[in-house]
Amino acid sequence: MLSAFLAAILALGALWHAARDGALVGLASRAASHSAGQGAVPLLKDVLGF
């Protein structure tokens, strides 16, 4: 139980550092815009693929 708690704390710390450094925003913007300039059909395929 203690190891699972420590793993969760470490994971939250890693997410905190990634958010603070702007890495999460960069990843989200690159993932969201990879088919945005190609028209409506590829964008809808991407959105509906999730």
PDB file of N, CA and C in Angstrom:
ATOM      1  N   MET A   1       0.827  -1.179   0.000  1.00  0.00           N
ATOM      2  CA  MET A   1       0.000   0.000   0.000  1.00  0.00           C
ATOM      3  C   MET A   1       0.883   1.259   0.000  1.00  0.00           C
ATOM      4  N   LEU A   2       1.941   1.202   0.770  1.00  0.00           N
ATOM      5  CA  LEU A   2       2.838   2.350   0.848  1.00  0.00           C
ATOM      6  C   LEU A   2       3.528   2.595  -0.494  1.00  0.00           C
ATOM      7  N   SER A   3       3.907   1.538  -1.178  1.00  0.00           N
ATOM      8  CA  SER A   3       4.589   1.712  -2.471  1.00  0.00           C
ATOM      9  C   SER A   3       3.639   2.304  -3.512  1.00  0.00           C
ATOM     10  N   ALA A   4       2.386   1.916  -3.497  1.00  0.00           N
ATOM     11  CA  ALA A   4       1.413   2.492  -4.432  1.00  0.00           C
ATOM     12  C   ALA A   4       1.193   3.973  -4.136  1.00  0.00           C
ATOM     13  N   PHE A   5       1.136   4.337  -2.879  1.00  0.00           N
ATOM     14  CA  PHE A   5       0.977   5.735  -2.490  1.00  0.00           C
ATOM     15  C   PHE A   5       2.186   6.558  -2.924  1.00  0.00           C
ATOM     16  N   LEU A   6       3.374   6.034  -2.707  1.00  0.00           N
ATOM     17  CA  LEU A   6       4.588   6.740  -3.106  1.00  0.00           C
ATOM     18  C   LEU A   6       4.678   6.888  -4.625  1.00  0.00           C
ATOM     19  N   ALA A   7       4.260   5.862  -5.354  1.00  0.00           N
ATOM     20  CA  ALA A   7       4.266   5.937  -6.817  1.00  0.00           C
ATOM     21  C   ALA A   7       3.293   7.014  -7.301  1.00  0.00           C
ATOM     22  N   ALA A   8       2.135   7.103  -6.655  1.00  0.00           N
ATOM     23  CA  ALA A   8       1.170   8.132  -7.029  1.00  0.00           C
ATOM     24  C   ALA A   8       1.714   9.525  -6.739  1.00  0.00           C
ATOM     25  N   ILE A   9       2.376   9.688  -5.608  1.00  0.00           N
ATOM     26  CA  ILE A   9       2.957  10.984  -5.258  1.00  0.00           C
ATOM     27  C   ILE A   9       4.051  11.367  -6.255  1.00  0.00           C
ATOM     28  N   LEU A  10       4.891  10.416  -6.632  1.00  0.00           N
ATOM     29  CA  LEU A  10       5.942  10.691  -7.614  1.00  0.00           C
ATOM     30  C   LEU A  10       5.355  11.047  -8.982  1.00  0.00           C
ATOM     31  N   ALA A  11       4.296  10.363  -9.379  1.00  0.00           N
ATOM     32  CA  ALA A  11       3.660  10.654 -10.663  1.00  0.00           C
ATOM     33  C   ALA A  11       3.050  12.055 -10.655  1.00  0.00           C
ATOM     34  N   LEU A  12       2.413  12.421  -9.551  1.00  0.00           N
ATOM     35  CA  LEU A  12       1.852  13.769  -9.453  1.00  0.00           C
ATOM     36  C   LEU A  12       2.949  14.826  -9.476  1.00  0.00           C
ATOM     37  N   GLY A  13       4.070  14.533  -8.853  1.00  0.00           N
ATOM     38  CA  GLY A  13       5.201  15.458  -8.888  1.00  0.00           C
ATOM     39  C   GLY A  13       5.748  15.632 -10.291  1.00  0.00           C
ATOM     40  N   ALA A  14       5.822  14.545 -11.044  1.00  0.00           N
ATOM     41  CA  ALA A  14       6.301  14.622 -12.424  1.00  0.00           C
ATOM     42  C   ALA A  14       5.337  15.440 -13.289  1.00  0.00           C
ATOM     43  N   LEU A  15       4.036  15.243 -13.089  1.00  0.00           N
ATOM     44  CA  LEU A  15       3.056  16.034 -13.826  1.00  0.00           C
ATOM     45  C   LEU A  15       3.140  17.508 -13.455  1.00  0.00           C
ATOM     46  N   TRP A  16       3.351  17.799 -12.185  1.00  0.00           N
ATOM     47  CA  TRP A  16       3.482  19.179 -11.720  1.00  0.00           C
ATOM     48  C   TRP A  16       4.664  19.864 -12.412  1.00  0.00           C
ATOM     49  N   HIS A  17       5.796  19.189 -12.460  1.00  0.00           N
ATOM     50  CA  HIS A  17       6.978  19.770 -13.098  1.00  0.00           C
ATOM     51  C   HIS A  17       6.774  19.951 -14.602  1.00  0.00           C
ATOM     52  N   ALA A  18       6.121  18.999 -15.245  1.00  0.00           N
ATOM     53  CA  ALA A  18       5.867  19.119 -16.679  1.00  0.00           C
ATOM     54  C   ALA A  18       4.911  20.274 -16.965  1.00  0.00           C
ATOM     55  N   ALA A  19       3.917  20.461 -16.105  1.00  0.00           N
ATOM     56  CA  ALA A  19       2.974  21.569 -16.285  1.00  0.00           C
ATOM     57  C   ALA A  19       3.649  22.904 -16.006  1.00  0.00           C
ATOM     58  N   ARG A  20       4.496  22.937 -15.022  1.00  0.00           N
ATOM     59  CA  ARG A  20       5.183  24.177 -14.659  1.00  0.00           C
ATOM     60  C   ARG A  20       6.148  24.616 -15.762  1.00  0.00           C
ATOM     61  N   ASP A  21       6.811  23.664 -16.406  1.00  0.00           N
ATOM     62  CA  ASP A  21       7.772  23.978 -17.451  1.00  0.00           C
ATOM     63  C   ASP A  21       7.116  24.274 -18.793  1.00  0.00           C
ATOM     64  N   GLY A  22       5.834  24.024 -18.920  1.00  0.00           N
ATOM     65  CA  GLY A  22       5.129  24.276 -20.171  1.00  0.00           C
ATOM     66  C   GLY A  22       5.170  23.116 -21.137  1.00  0.00           C
ATOM     67  N   ALA A  23       5.688  21.987 -20.719  1.00  0.00           N
ATOM     68  CA  ALA A  23       5.782  20.839 -21.616  1.00  0.00           C
ATOM     69  C   ALA A  23       4.400  20.278 -21.956  1.00  0.00           C
ATOM     70  N   LEU A  24       3.482  20.292 -21.007  1.00  0.00           N
ATOM     71  CA  LEU A  24       2.148  19.758 -21.275  1.00  0.00           C
ATOM     72  C   LEU A  24       1.392  20.631 -22.271  1.00  0.00           C
ATOM     73  N   VAL A  25       1.555  21.927 -22.168  1.00  0.00           N
ATOM     74  CA  VAL A  25       0.889  22.834 -23.105  1.00  0.00           C
ATOM     75  C   VAL A  25       1.446  22.631 -24.512  1.00  0.00           C
ATOM     76  N   GLY A  26       2.749  22.466 -24.612  1.00  0.00           N
ATOM     77  CA  GLY A  26       3.354  22.222 -25.916  1.00  0.00           C
ATOM     78  C   GLY A  26       2.883  20.924 -26.541  1.00  0.00           C
ATOM     79  N   LEU A  27       2.807  19.877 -25.746  1.00  0.00           N
ATOM     80  CA  LEU A  27       2.328  18.596 -26.262  1.00  0.00           C
ATOM     81  C   LEU A  27       0.869  18.681 -26.694  1.00  0.00           C
ATOM     82  N   ALA A  28       0.051  19.359 -25.899  1.00  0.00           N
ATOM     83  CA  ALA A  28      -1.369  19.484 -26.240  1.00  0.00           C
ATOM     84  C   ALA A  28      -1.567  20.302 -27.508  1.00  0.00           C
ATOM     85  N   SER A  29      -0.820  21.380 -27.660  1.00  0.00           N
ATOM     86  CA  SER A  29      -0.998  22.206 -28.856  1.00  0.00           C
ATOM     87  C   SER A  29      -0.502  21.491 -30.109  1.00  0.00           C
ATOM     88  N   ARG A  30       0.579  20.736 -30.001  1.00  0.00           N
ATOM     89  CA  ARG A  30       1.046  19.976 -31.165  1.00  0.00           C
ATOM     90  C   ARG A  30       0.077  18.862 -31.519  1.00  0.00           C
ATOM     91  N   ALA A  31      -0.508  18.206 -30.522  1.00  0.00           N
ATOM     92  CA  ALA A  31      -1.442  17.115 -30.791  1.00  0.00           C
ATOM     93  C   ALA A  31      -2.755  17.643 -31.364  1.00  0.00           C
ATOM     94  N   ALA A  32      -3.174  18.815 -30.918  1.00  0.00           N
ATOM     95  CA  ALA A  32      -4.454  19.361 -31.383  1.00  0.00           C
ATOM     96  C   ALA A  32      -4.345  19.956 -32.777  1.00  0.00           C
ATOM     97  N   SER A  33      -3.181  20.399 -33.173  1.00  0.00           N
ATOM     98  CA  SER A  33      -3.081  21.113 -34.443  1.00  0.00           C
ATOM     99  C   SER A  33      -2.461  20.291 -35.561  1.00  0.00           C
ATOM    100  N   HIS A  34      -2.278  19.003 -35.378  1.00  0.00           N
ATOM    101  CA  HIS A  34      -1.599  18.253 -36.430  1.00  0.00           C
ATOM    102  C   HIS A  34      -2.465  18.028 -37.662  1.00  0.00           C
ATOM    103  N   SER A  35      -3.772  18.139 -37.544  1.00  0.00           N
ATOM    104  CA  SER A  35      -4.611  18.019 -38.734  1.00  0.00           C
ATOM    105  C   SER A  35      -5.555  19.202 -38.877  1.00  0.00           C
ATOM    106  N   ALA A  36      -5.352  20.265 -38.111  1.00  0.00           N
ATOM    107  CA  ALA A  36      -6.265  21.399 -38.162  1.00  0.00           C
ATOM    108  C   ALA A  36      -6.151  22.170 -39.472  1.00  0.00           C
ATOM    109  N   GLY A  37      -5.003  22.208 -40.097  1.00  0.00           N
ATOM    110  CA  GLY A  37      -4.843  22.967 -41.322  1.00  0.00           C
ATOM    111  C   GLY A  37      -5.148  22.195 -42.581  1.00  0.00           C
ATOM    112  N   GLN A  38      -5.634  20.977 -42.473  1.00  0.00           N
ATOM    113  CA  GLN A  38      -5.845  20.132 -43.643  1.00  0.00           C
ATOM    114  C   GLN A  38      -7.301  20.073 -44.092  1.00  0.00           C
ATOM    115  N   GLY A  39      -8.188  20.780 -43.459  1.00  0.00           N
ATOM    116  CA  GLY A  39      -9.587  20.787 -43.860  1.00  0.00           C
ATOM    117  C   GLY A  39     -10.479  20.117 -42.836  1.00  0.00           C
ATOM    118  N   ALA A  40     -11.750  20.085 -43.153  1.00  0.00           N
ATOM    119  CA  ALA A  40     -12.746  19.606 -42.199  1.00  0.00           C
ATOM    120  C   ALA A  40     -12.776  18.078 -42.081  1.00  0.00           C
ATOM    121  N   VAL A  41     -12.594  17.384 -43.182  1.00  0.00           N
ATOM    122  CA  VAL A  41     -12.713  15.921 -43.155  1.00  0.00           C
ATOM    123  C   VAL A  41     -11.603  15.280 -42.304  1.00  0.00           C
ATOM    124  N   PRO A  42     -10.330  15.621 -42.496  1.00  0.00           N
ATOM    125  CA  PRO A  42      -9.303  15.040 -41.627  1.00  0.00           C
ATOM    126  C   PRO A  42      -9.472  15.439 -40.167  1.00  0.00           C
ATOM    127  N   LEU A  43      -9.948  16.668 -39.936  1.00  0.00           N
ATOM    128  CA  LEU A  43     -10.182  17.104 -38.561  1.00  0.00           C
ATOM    129  C   LEU A  43     -11.289  16.287 -37.910  1.00  0.00           C
ATOM    130  N   LEU A  44     -12.378  16.048 -38.634  1.00  0.00           N
ATOM    131  CA  LEU A  44     -13.467  15.235 -38.089  1.00  0.00           C
ATOM    132  C   LEU A  44     -13.045  13.793 -37.869  1.00  0.00           C
ATOM    133  N   LYS A  45     -12.230  13.248 -38.773  1.00  0.00           N
ATOM    134  CA  LYS A  45     -11.712  11.896 -38.578  1.00  0.00           C
ATOM    135  C   LYS A  45     -10.888  11.817 -37.309  1.00  0.00           C
ATOM    136  N   ASP A  46     -10.086  12.855 -37.079  1.00  0.00           N
ATOM    137  CA  ASP A  46      -9.245  12.878 -35.885  1.00  0.00           C
ATOM    138  C   ASP A  46     -10.103  12.986 -34.624  1.00  0.00           C
ATOM    139  N   VAL A  47     -11.084  13.864 -34.639  1.00  0.00           N
ATOM    140  CA  VAL A  47     -11.930  14.060 -33.468  1.00  0.00           C
ATOM    141  C   VAL A  47     -12.772  12.827 -33.189  1.00  0.00           C
ATOM    142  N   LEU A  48     -13.353  12.254 -34.211  1.00  0.00           N
ATOM    143  CA  LEU A  48     -14.228  11.095 -34.020  1.00  0.00           C
ATOM    144  C   LEU A  48     -13.445   9.814 -33.775  1.00  0.00           C
ATOM    145  N   GLY A  49     -12.146   9.832 -34.015  1.00  0.00           N
ATOM    146  CA  GLY A  49     -11.320   8.655 -33.766  1.00  0.00           C
ATOM    147  C   GLY A  49     -11.115   8.367 -32.285  1.00  0.00           C
ATOM    148  N   PHE A  50     -11.397   9.341 -31.463  1.00  0.00           N
ATOM    149  CA  PHE A  50     -11.262   9.119 -30.027  1.00  0.00           C
ATOM    150  C   PHE A  50     -12.526   8.551 -29.522  1.00  0.00           C
TER     151      PHE A  50
END
